[in-house]
Amino acid sequence: MGLRETKKRQTRTAIADAALALFLEHGFDQVTVADVAQHADVSTNTVFNYFPAKEDLFFDRQSEAEGRLATLVRDRAPGACPIEVVRDDLLSALRQNEPMLGLRPGAIRFWQVIHDSPALRAREREIGEHAEAALTAALAEHPSATAPAPGDDRQPMPALLAGAVAGTHRAAVREIRRRIMSGEPTARARDAVAAAAAQAFDRLCLGLHAETADQTQAERRLHR
């Protein structure tokens, strides 16, 4: 990465950090873009050069969140189940207390700011919709190894499978939020959600591969 790109990334990070500090202290709706610019010691135009909308200052890692599940599906090993890949990534993130899941100190205030702002709640829903659309595209481009021959419509449509997978993932994160905001210890919330999420994804996976499993069992009976 060249010096120019490094400096641009540093400026973007500094602006986002300054914005988050103000949002956490005062709330999203009470802070203006001009306030952020002043706090970051840049012009308002500079802020908009890096963040087209005020909500982008809060969800500064939006593109990463929107593309994560799709990337997992596209980059999975040949023959790997897309549901298992998403499941394993979530369980690994839970074990590592990944910041994006809100398991670190200060997460409650972050979530409270979202809860208090209709604009942020709308943007959060939009991020989820974009993530699901990206996952749909990835599943269509890289179908499961159990996909039937062309013309066989028994395989779930990518949009339906993406809805089930992305919805389960969102529900797990939402449950973490609910538990921690209600005062449950982080470790207990994490472990409870990890167990439930593993079970939910396993059931989805069983449904996806049920026909293949039935066929395998039938073949085994024929060769006894």
Protein backbone atom coordinates (compact mmCIF):
# COMPACT_ATOMS: atom_id res chain seq x y z
CA MET A 1 0.00 0.00 0.00
CA GLY A 2 1.38 3.40 -1.01
CA LEU A 3 1.85 6.37 1.28
CA ARG A 4 -1.19 8.15 -0.14
CA GLU A 5 -3.49 5.19 0.49
CA THR A 6 -2.06 4.69 3.97
CA LYS A 7 -2.73 8.32 4.83
CA LYS A 8 -6.28 8.12 3.49
CA ARG A 9 -6.97 5.02 5.57
CA GLN A 10 -5.56 6.72 8.66
CA THR A 11 -7.75 9.77 8.07
CA ARG A 12 -10.83 7.62 7.62
CA THR A 13 -10.11 5.70 10.81
CA ALA A 14 -9.51 8.90 12.76
CA ILE A 15 -12.83 10.37 11.59
CA ALA A 16 -14.74 7.17 12.41
CA ASP A 17 -13.13 6.96 15.87
CA ALA A 18 -13.98 10.59 16.60
CA ALA A 19 -17.56 10.07 15.46
CA LEU A 20 -18.08 6.95 17.54
CA ALA A 21 -16.79 8.65 20.67
CA LEU A 22 -19.31 11.46 20.20
CA PHE A 23 -22.18 9.10 19.38
CA LEU A 24 -21.52 6.97 22.45
CA GLU A 25 -21.36 10.02 24.67
CA HIS A 26 -24.27 12.04 23.30
CA GLY A 27 -26.34 9.69 21.14
CA PHE A 28 -26.53 9.50 17.36
CA ASP A 29 -29.31 11.98 16.72
CA GLN A 30 -27.80 14.63 18.97
CA VAL A 31 -24.47 14.75 17.07
CA THR A 32 -24.08 16.54 13.73
CA VAL A 33 -21.56 15.87 10.98
CA ALA A 34 -20.12 19.31 11.74
CA ASP A 35 -19.55 18.17 15.34
CA VAL A 36 -17.67 15.14 14.06
CA ALA A 37 -15.55 17.26 11.72
CA GLN A 38 -14.61 19.61 14.52
CA HIS A 39 -13.76 16.73 16.85
CA ALA A 40 -11.62 15.05 14.17
CA ASP A 41 -9.99 18.38 13.19
CA VAL A 42 -11.05 18.14 9.54
CA SER A 43 -13.56 19.97 7.38
CA THR A 44 -17.15 18.86 6.98
CA ASN A 45 -16.49 18.26 3.30
CA THR A 46 -13.64 15.93 4.22
CA VAL A 47 -16.00 13.89 6.39
CA PHE A 48 -18.45 13.53 3.52
CA ASN A 49 -15.61 12.56 1.17
CA TYR A 50 -15.07 9.46 3.30
CA PHE A 51 -18.60 8.89 4.60
CA PRO A 52 -21.45 9.83 2.22
CA ALA A 53 -24.10 9.63 4.97
CA LYS A 54 -24.09 10.23 8.70
CA GLU A 55 -25.09 6.60 9.36
CA ASP A 56 -21.89 5.50 7.60
CA LEU A 57 -19.92 7.15 10.40
CA PHE A 58 -21.52 4.83 12.93
CA PHE A 59 -21.51 1.65 10.82
CA ASP A 60 -18.07 2.32 9.37
CA ARG A 61 -17.50 -1.42 8.77
CA GLN A 62 -20.77 -1.87 6.94
CA SER A 63 -19.26 -3.28 3.74
CA GLU A 64 -17.38 -5.93 5.73
CA ALA A 65 -20.54 -6.96 7.56
CA GLU A 66 -22.58 -7.09 4.35
CA GLY A 67 -20.07 -9.28 2.53
CA ARG A 68 -18.93 -11.62 5.28
CA LEU A 69 -21.35 -14.53 4.75
CA ALA A 70 -21.05 -14.31 0.98
CA THR A 71 -17.26 -14.40 1.21
CA LEU A 72 -17.38 -17.47 3.43
CA VAL A 73 -19.56 -19.28 0.88
CA ARG A 74 -17.44 -18.26 -2.12
CA ASP A 75 -14.14 -19.17 -0.45
CA ARG A 76 -15.19 -22.47 1.09
CA ALA A 77 -13.33 -25.67 0.24
CA PRO A 78 -14.69 -27.78 -2.64
CA GLY A 79 -17.54 -29.96 -1.42
CA ALA A 80 -17.95 -28.07 1.86
CA CYS A 81 -21.49 -27.37 3.01
CA PRO A 82 -22.26 -23.63 2.93
CA ILE A 83 -24.34 -23.91 6.10
CA GLU A 84 -21.53 -25.61 7.98
CA VAL A 85 -19.06 -22.94 6.85
CA VAL A 86 -21.26 -20.14 8.20
CA ARG A 87 -21.94 -22.08 11.40
CA ASP A 88 -18.26 -22.75 12.07
CA ASP A 89 -17.33 -19.12 11.43
CA LEU A 90 -19.96 -17.91 13.91
CA LEU A 91 -18.90 -20.40 16.58
CA SER A 92 -15.25 -19.42 16.10
CA ALA A 93 -16.15 -15.73 16.39
CA LEU A 94 -18.04 -16.46 19.61
CA ARG A 95 -15.09 -18.34 21.08
CA GLN A 96 -12.79 -15.43 20.24
CA ASN A 97 -15.17 -12.76 21.57
CA GLU A 98 -15.03 -11.03 18.20
CA PRO A 99 -15.83 -7.29 18.53
CA MET A 100 -18.45 -7.31 15.77
CA LEU A 101 -20.59 -9.64 17.90
CA GLY A 102 -20.63 -7.17 20.77
CA LEU A 103 -18.95 -9.38 23.37
CA ARG A 104 -16.40 -6.78 24.40
CA PRO A 105 -16.80 -4.17 27.16
CA GLY A 106 -18.78 -1.15 25.99
CA ALA A 107 -21.07 -3.11 23.68
CA ILE A 108 -24.16 -2.30 25.72
CA ARG A 109 -23.76 1.43 25.09
CA PHE A 110 -23.17 0.79 21.38
CA TRP A 111 -26.41 -1.19 21.14
CA GLN A 112 -28.28 1.38 23.20
CA VAL A 113 -27.32 4.10 20.74
CA ILE A 114 -28.77 1.98 17.92
CA HIS A 115 -31.93 1.29 19.90
CA ASP A 116 -32.47 5.00 20.56
CA SER A 117 -32.12 6.06 16.91
CA PRO A 118 -34.73 5.20 14.25
CA ALA A 119 -32.17 6.09 11.57
CA LEU A 120 -29.64 3.58 12.89
CA ARG A 121 -32.25 0.87 13.32
CA ALA A 122 -33.28 1.37 9.70
CA ARG A 123 -29.67 1.23 8.54
CA GLU A 124 -29.09 -1.95 10.56
CA ARG A 125 -32.04 -3.59 8.78
CA GLU A 126 -30.64 -2.42 5.47
CA ILE A 127 -27.27 -3.98 6.25
CA GLY A 128 -29.01 -7.27 6.97
CA GLU A 129 -30.90 -7.11 3.69
CA HIS A 130 -27.72 -6.40 1.73
CA ALA A 131 -25.91 -9.26 3.47
CA GLU A 132 -28.71 -11.65 2.56
CA ALA A 133 -28.73 -10.48 -1.07
CA ALA A 134 -24.96 -10.96 -1.29
CA LEU A 135 -25.29 -14.44 0.20
CA THR A 136 -28.01 -15.29 -2.32
CA ALA A 137 -25.67 -14.34 -5.16
CA ALA A 138 -22.82 -16.37 -3.67
CA LEU A 139 -25.01 -19.46 -3.27
CA ALA A 140 -26.19 -19.13 -6.86
CA GLU A 141 -22.61 -18.84 -8.14
CA HIS A 142 -21.24 -21.60 -5.91
CA PRO A 143 -24.04 -24.10 -5.24
CA SER A 144 -23.82 -26.86 -2.67
CA ALA A 145 -22.15 -30.11 -3.70
CA THR A 146 -25.55 -31.75 -3.22
CA ALA A 147 -27.12 -29.63 -5.96
CA PRO A 148 -29.13 -31.78 -8.40
CA ALA A 149 -28.75 -31.93 -12.13
CA PRO A 150 -29.88 -28.95 -14.24
CA GLY A 151 -33.66 -28.81 -14.47
CA ASP A 152 -34.21 -30.52 -11.12
CA ASP A 153 -36.01 -27.99 -8.91
CA ARG A 154 -35.87 -30.01 -5.69
CA GLN A 155 -32.85 -28.06 -4.40
CA PRO A 156 -33.85 -24.99 -2.32
CA MET A 157 -33.63 -21.79 -4.33
CA PRO A 158 -30.57 -19.71 -3.36
CA ALA A 159 -32.78 -16.89 -2.07
CA LEU A 160 -34.67 -19.23 0.27
CA LEU A 161 -31.52 -20.90 1.55
CA ALA A 162 -29.84 -17.52 2.02
CA GLY A 163 -32.84 -16.29 3.97
CA ALA A 164 -32.68 -19.26 6.30
CA VAL A 165 -28.91 -19.04 6.85
CA ALA A 166 -28.70 -15.25 7.17
CA GLY A 167 -31.80 -15.19 9.34
CA THR A 168 -30.36 -17.75 11.73
CA HIS A 169 -27.10 -15.80 11.90
CA ARG A 170 -28.94 -12.53 12.60
CA ALA A 171 -31.10 -14.19 15.24
CA ALA A 172 -28.01 -15.48 17.05
CA VAL A 173 -26.44 -12.03 17.16
CA ARG A 174 -29.74 -10.48 18.24
CA GLU A 175 -30.05 -13.01 21.07
CA ILE A 176 -26.56 -12.14 22.30
CA ARG A 177 -27.61 -8.50 22.37
CA ARG A 178 -30.82 -9.23 24.23
CA ARG A 179 -29.13 -11.36 26.87
CA ILE A 180 -26.25 -8.99 27.55
CA MET A 181 -28.47 -5.91 27.64
CA SER A 182 -30.71 -7.69 30.16
CA GLY A 183 -27.71 -8.08 32.46
CA GLU A 184 -26.68 -11.67 31.76
CA PRO A 185 -22.91 -12.28 32.13
CA THR A 186 -21.14 -12.22 28.79
CA ALA A 187 -19.65 -15.70 29.09
CA ARG A 188 -23.00 -17.25 29.95
CA ALA A 189 -24.75 -15.46 27.08
CA ARG A 190 -22.02 -16.49 24.66
CA ASP A 191 -22.09 -20.16 25.65
CA ALA A 192 -25.90 -20.36 25.56
CA VAL A 193 -26.12 -18.76 22.12
CA ALA A 194 -23.25 -20.88 20.76
CA ALA A 195 -25.04 -24.10 21.74
CA ALA A 196 -28.39 -22.97 20.35
CA ALA A 197 -26.86 -21.62 17.14
CA ALA A 198 -24.95 -24.86 16.52
CA GLN A 199 -28.17 -26.83 16.90
CA ALA A 200 -30.13 -24.49 14.61
CA PHE A 201 -27.51 -24.59 11.85
CA ASP A 202 -27.20 -28.37 12.15
CA ARG A 203 -30.94 -28.71 11.58
CA LEU A 204 -30.73 -26.49 8.52
CA CYS A 205 -27.85 -28.59 7.25
CA LEU A 206 -29.78 -31.80 7.86
CA GLY A 207 -32.66 -30.44 5.82
CA LEU A 208 -30.36 -29.42 2.97
CA HIS A 209 -28.70 -32.83 2.79
CA ALA A 210 -31.65 -35.02 3.79
CA GLU A 211 -32.24 -36.32 0.27
CA THR A 212 -28.56 -37.16 -0.20
CA ALA A 213 -28.49 -38.94 3.16
CA ASP A 214 -31.60 -40.96 2.27
CA GLN A 215 -30.09 -41.90 -1.07
CA THR A 216 -26.83 -42.99 0.57
CA GLN A 217 -28.67 -45.15 3.09
CA ALA A 218 -30.71 -46.76 0.31
CA GLU A 219 -27.55 -47.55 -1.66
CA ARG A 220 -25.98 -49.11 1.40
CA ARG A 221 -29.04 -51.35 1.89
CA LEU A 222 -28.83 -52.50 -1.73
CA HIS A 223 -25.20 -53.54 -1.33
CA ARG A 224 -25.66 -55.52 1.88
